[in-house]
């Protein structure tokens, strides 16, 4: 049975593939908390942009839907709390932002990548 009220947010895994300290490609995982947005806003993300209009960027999408995380740790293995400063630090690590955008797209059933 489908319940109309599914809650305002949901958790979805994010995989970040990046080079580790030894120069090897590795996959790192954490869970992102995404805001559940209405269909009309999703449609607006994917509408054709008018000439001269800025294209959709990962940052636009992330600002709207990314609310928090779990399983992100600091160098000593302590959980990193969700704060504006920690959010900025996390999003500044490449390729975290495009990985979050891809995870959100996957979470709503769209495979692919948002424009950078």
Protein backbone atom coordinates (compact mmCIF):
# COMPACT_ATOMS: atom_id res chain seq x y z
CA UNK A 1 0.00 0.00 0.00
CA UNK A 2 1.29 3.45 -0.93
CA UNK A 3 1.11 6.14 1.72
CA UNK A 4 0.76 9.67 0.41
CA UNK A 5 2.88 11.18 3.19
CA UNK A 6 6.36 9.69 2.72
CA UNK A 7 8.15 12.25 4.87
CA UNK A 8 10.15 15.30 3.88
CA UNK A 9 13.56 13.62 3.52
CA UNK A 10 15.08 10.24 2.71
CA UNK A 11 18.50 8.58 2.80
CA UNK A 12 20.34 7.34 -0.28
CA UNK A 13 23.90 5.99 -0.73
CA UNK A 14 26.55 8.11 -2.45
CA UNK A 15 29.66 6.56 -3.99
CA UNK A 16 32.65 8.82 -4.52
CA UNK A 17 35.45 7.44 -6.69
CA UNK A 18 38.72 9.23 -6.11
CA UNK A 19 42.44 8.69 -5.88
CA UNK A 20 43.66 7.68 -2.43
CA UNK A 21 46.94 8.71 -0.77
CA UNK A 22 48.79 5.85 -2.54
CA UNK A 23 47.63 6.94 -5.99
CA UNK A 24 45.03 4.21 -6.48
CA UNK A 25 41.44 4.77 -7.54
CA UNK A 26 39.13 3.84 -4.69
CA UNK A 27 35.44 4.06 -3.99
CA UNK A 28 34.27 5.72 -0.79
CA UNK A 29 30.66 5.57 0.36
CA UNK A 30 28.43 7.66 2.60
CA UNK A 31 24.71 8.25 2.94
CA UNK A 32 23.13 11.51 1.80
CA UNK A 33 19.92 12.87 3.20
CA UNK A 34 17.86 14.29 0.36
CA UNK A 35 14.80 16.48 0.56
CA UNK A 36 11.79 14.99 -1.17
CA UNK A 37 10.75 17.70 -3.65
CA UNK A 38 7.54 17.96 -5.66
CA UNK A 39 7.30 16.74 -9.25
CA UNK A 40 6.94 20.25 -10.65
CA UNK A 41 10.33 21.23 -9.19
CA UNK A 42 11.90 18.07 -10.62
CA UNK A 43 10.41 18.98 -14.00
CA UNK A 44 11.92 22.47 -13.72
CA UNK A 45 15.39 20.99 -13.13
CA UNK A 46 15.15 19.13 -16.43
CA UNK A 47 13.36 21.65 -18.61
CA UNK A 48 15.12 22.98 -21.68
CA UNK A 49 16.95 26.18 -20.77
CA UNK A 50 16.28 29.29 -22.83
CA UNK A 51 19.04 30.91 -24.85
CA UNK A 52 21.14 33.08 -22.57
CA UNK A 53 19.82 31.31 -19.45
CA UNK A 54 22.34 29.70 -17.14
CA UNK A 55 22.50 25.89 -17.46
CA UNK A 56 21.63 23.72 -14.48
CA UNK A 57 24.69 23.09 -12.34
CA UNK A 58 25.43 20.42 -9.74
CA UNK A 59 25.61 23.20 -7.13
CA UNK A 60 22.03 24.33 -7.95
CA UNK A 61 20.70 20.82 -7.53
CA UNK A 62 22.70 20.16 -4.36
CA UNK A 63 21.61 23.43 -2.76
CA UNK A 64 17.97 22.43 -3.25
CA UNK A 65 17.98 18.74 -2.29
CA UNK A 66 21.07 17.86 -0.16
CA UNK A 67 20.25 18.20 3.54
CA UNK A 68 22.85 16.15 5.37
CA UNK A 69 24.89 12.98 5.63
CA UNK A 70 25.89 10.07 7.77
CA UNK A 71 29.03 7.88 7.64
CA UNK A 72 31.38 10.82 6.89
CA UNK A 73 34.40 10.83 9.18
CA UNK A 74 37.43 13.01 9.87
CA UNK A 75 41.06 11.84 9.70
CA UNK A 76 40.82 10.38 13.23
CA UNK A 77 37.72 8.32 12.38
CA UNK A 78 35.22 10.51 14.25
CA UNK A 79 31.83 11.21 12.69
CA UNK A 80 31.68 14.65 11.08
CA UNK A 81 28.58 16.52 12.25
CA UNK A 82 26.38 18.33 9.75
CA UNK A 83 27.20 22.04 10.04
CA UNK A 84 27.43 24.78 7.42
CA UNK A 85 31.24 24.75 7.71
CA UNK A 86 31.50 20.96 7.37
CA UNK A 87 29.03 21.01 4.47
CA UNK A 88 31.20 23.55 2.64
CA UNK A 89 34.33 21.48 3.35
CA UNK A 90 32.70 18.27 2.12
CA UNK A 91 31.37 19.87 -1.07
CA UNK A 92 34.80 21.36 -1.78
CA UNK A 93 36.39 17.90 -2.08
CA UNK A 94 36.34 16.86 -5.72
CA UNK A 95 34.42 14.81 -6.90
CA UNK A 96 31.95 14.84 -3.99
CA UNK A 97 29.50 17.35 -5.53
CA UNK A 98 29.03 15.53 -8.86
CA UNK A 99 28.78 12.23 -6.94
CA UNK A 100 25.97 13.65 -4.79
CA UNK A 101 24.18 14.95 -7.89
CA UNK A 102 24.46 11.52 -9.57
CA UNK A 103 23.14 9.82 -6.43
CA UNK A 104 20.12 12.11 -6.30
CA UNK A 105 19.37 11.47 -9.96
CA UNK A 106 19.60 7.74 -9.33
CA UNK A 107 17.36 8.07 -6.26
CA UNK A 108 14.56 9.52 -8.39
CA UNK A 109 15.05 6.94 -11.14
CA UNK A 110 17.11 8.98 -13.57
CA UNK A 111 20.49 7.53 -14.46
CA UNK A 112 23.06 9.99 -15.67
CA UNK A 113 24.77 13.13 -14.53
CA UNK A 114 23.65 16.70 -13.99
CA UNK A 115 25.54 19.43 -15.82
CA UNK A 116 28.58 20.83 -14.02
